[in-house]
């Protein structure tokens, strides 16, 4: 069951209330238990931006906290410190790492 107040959605929908770097610590253990696609929506500042010539890897939140990596096709001129909104296919890797792939990144407010 999806908590309508939370940052997760089944399929490709965006949550009305995205997680933040502060709240993802509470949400990471409450992802729906399913093999179906889950989308996580989160907003915050970029902690790292990398480009390998094919894919862009945008990382949100500080390394000491839960980090979220967005795998996308372009940096679109983004830099460390920019505020962005991520929404993408949720996968958890360990206690403090989340990967969103595929992922859309949009300017944050």
Protein backbone atom coordinates (compact mmCIF):
# COMPACT_ATOMS: atom_id res chain seq x y z
CA UNK A 1 0.00 0.00 0.00
CA UNK A 2 1.27 3.46 -0.91
CA UNK A 3 1.14 6.23 1.68
CA UNK A 4 -0.49 9.11 -0.23
CA UNK A 5 1.46 11.57 1.94
CA UNK A 6 4.76 9.91 1.02
CA UNK A 7 7.25 10.32 -1.84
CA UNK A 8 6.61 6.92 -3.48
CA UNK A 9 4.19 6.13 -6.30
CA UNK A 10 3.49 2.95 -8.20
CA UNK A 11 4.44 3.18 -11.86
CA UNK A 12 5.65 6.53 -13.13
CA UNK A 13 3.56 9.04 -11.17
CA UNK A 14 5.04 11.97 -9.28
CA UNK A 15 4.32 12.37 -5.56
CA UNK A 16 2.58 15.59 -4.54
CA UNK A 17 4.94 15.90 -1.55
CA UNK A 18 8.48 14.99 -2.56
CA UNK A 19 10.94 13.73 0.00
CA UNK A 20 13.87 15.97 0.95
CA UNK A 21 17.39 15.17 2.11
CA UNK A 22 16.08 15.59 5.66
CA UNK A 23 12.99 13.36 5.31
CA UNK A 24 14.37 10.58 3.09
CA UNK A 25 16.00 9.10 6.23
CA UNK A 26 12.52 8.27 7.51
CA UNK A 27 11.08 7.18 4.15
CA UNK A 28 13.86 4.82 3.00
CA UNK A 29 12.56 1.99 5.20
CA UNK A 30 8.96 2.51 4.05
CA UNK A 31 9.24 1.85 0.32
CA UNK A 32 6.47 -0.45 -0.91
CA UNK A 33 7.51 -4.12 -0.95
CA UNK A 34 6.91 -5.04 -4.59
CA UNK A 35 8.72 -6.16 -7.72
CA UNK A 36 6.71 -3.63 -9.75
CA UNK A 37 8.09 -0.24 -10.71
CA UNK A 38 8.09 2.32 -7.91
CA UNK A 39 8.84 5.99 -8.50
CA UNK A 40 10.49 8.09 -5.81
CA UNK A 41 10.16 11.89 -5.95
CA UNK A 42 12.70 13.97 -4.01
CA UNK A 43 13.90 17.56 -4.02
CA UNK A 44 17.19 19.00 -2.79
CA UNK A 45 20.63 20.33 -3.68
CA UNK A 46 23.10 18.46 -5.87
CA UNK A 47 26.10 17.06 -4.01
CA UNK A 48 27.83 15.64 -7.12
CA UNK A 49 27.46 15.86 -10.90
CA UNK A 50 29.29 13.46 -13.24
CA UNK A 51 29.15 12.76 -16.97
CA UNK A 52 30.71 9.69 -18.63
CA UNK A 53 30.02 10.75 -22.21
CA UNK A 54 26.79 8.75 -22.38
CA UNK A 55 25.01 9.13 -19.06
CA UNK A 56 24.83 11.78 -16.36
CA UNK A 57 24.97 10.83 -12.69
CA UNK A 58 23.39 13.45 -10.46
CA UNK A 59 23.74 12.86 -6.72
CA UNK A 60 21.56 14.55 -4.13
CA UNK A 61 22.18 14.80 -0.37
CA UNK A 62 25.47 14.62 1.52
CA UNK A 63 27.51 11.41 1.73
CA UNK A 64 27.03 11.11 5.51
CA UNK A 65 23.25 10.95 4.95
CA UNK A 66 21.05 8.90 2.63
CA UNK A 67 22.19 9.74 -0.90
CA UNK A 68 20.04 9.55 -4.03
CA UNK A 69 21.60 9.13 -7.48
CA UNK A 70 19.64 10.04 -10.60
CA UNK A 71 20.83 8.27 -13.78
CA UNK A 72 19.80 10.39 -16.76
CA UNK A 73 20.96 11.37 -20.25
CA UNK A 74 22.23 14.91 -19.70
CA UNK A 75 23.62 17.20 -17.00
CA UNK A 76 21.62 20.01 -18.65
CA UNK A 77 24.07 22.57 -17.28
CA UNK A 78 23.53 21.53 -13.67
CA UNK A 79 26.23 22.06 -11.05
CA UNK A 80 26.90 21.05 -7.45
CA UNK A 81 24.68 23.18 -5.21
CA UNK A 82 21.82 23.55 -7.71
CA UNK A 83 18.36 22.71 -6.35
CA UNK A 84 16.62 20.00 -8.39
CA UNK A 85 13.62 17.67 -8.36
CA UNK A 86 14.25 13.99 -9.14
CA UNK A 87 11.61 11.42 -10.05
CA UNK A 88 12.57 7.95 -11.18
CA UNK A 89 12.56 4.19 -10.83
CA UNK A 90 13.48 3.39 -7.21
CA UNK A 91 16.15 0.87 -6.22
CA UNK A 92 17.84 0.70 -2.83
CA UNK A 93 21.52 -0.23 -2.52
CA UNK A 94 22.53 -0.76 1.08
CA UNK A 95 21.57 1.24 4.13
CA UNK A 96 22.11 4.73 2.72
CA UNK A 97 22.09 4.58 -1.09
CA UNK A 98 19.19 4.95 -3.51
CA UNK A 99 19.42 4.87 -7.30
CA UNK A 100 16.71 6.26 -9.56
CA UNK A 101 16.98 4.72 -13.03
CA UNK A 102 15.54 5.83 -15.32
CA UNK A 103 15.26 9.27 -13.78
CA UNK A 104 14.04 12.72 -14.75
CA UNK A 105 15.69 15.78 -13.20
CA UNK A 106 13.96 19.15 -13.25
CA UNK A 107 14.83 22.53 -11.75
CA UNK A 108 13.77 22.69 -8.10
CA UNK A 109 11.99 25.54 -6.40
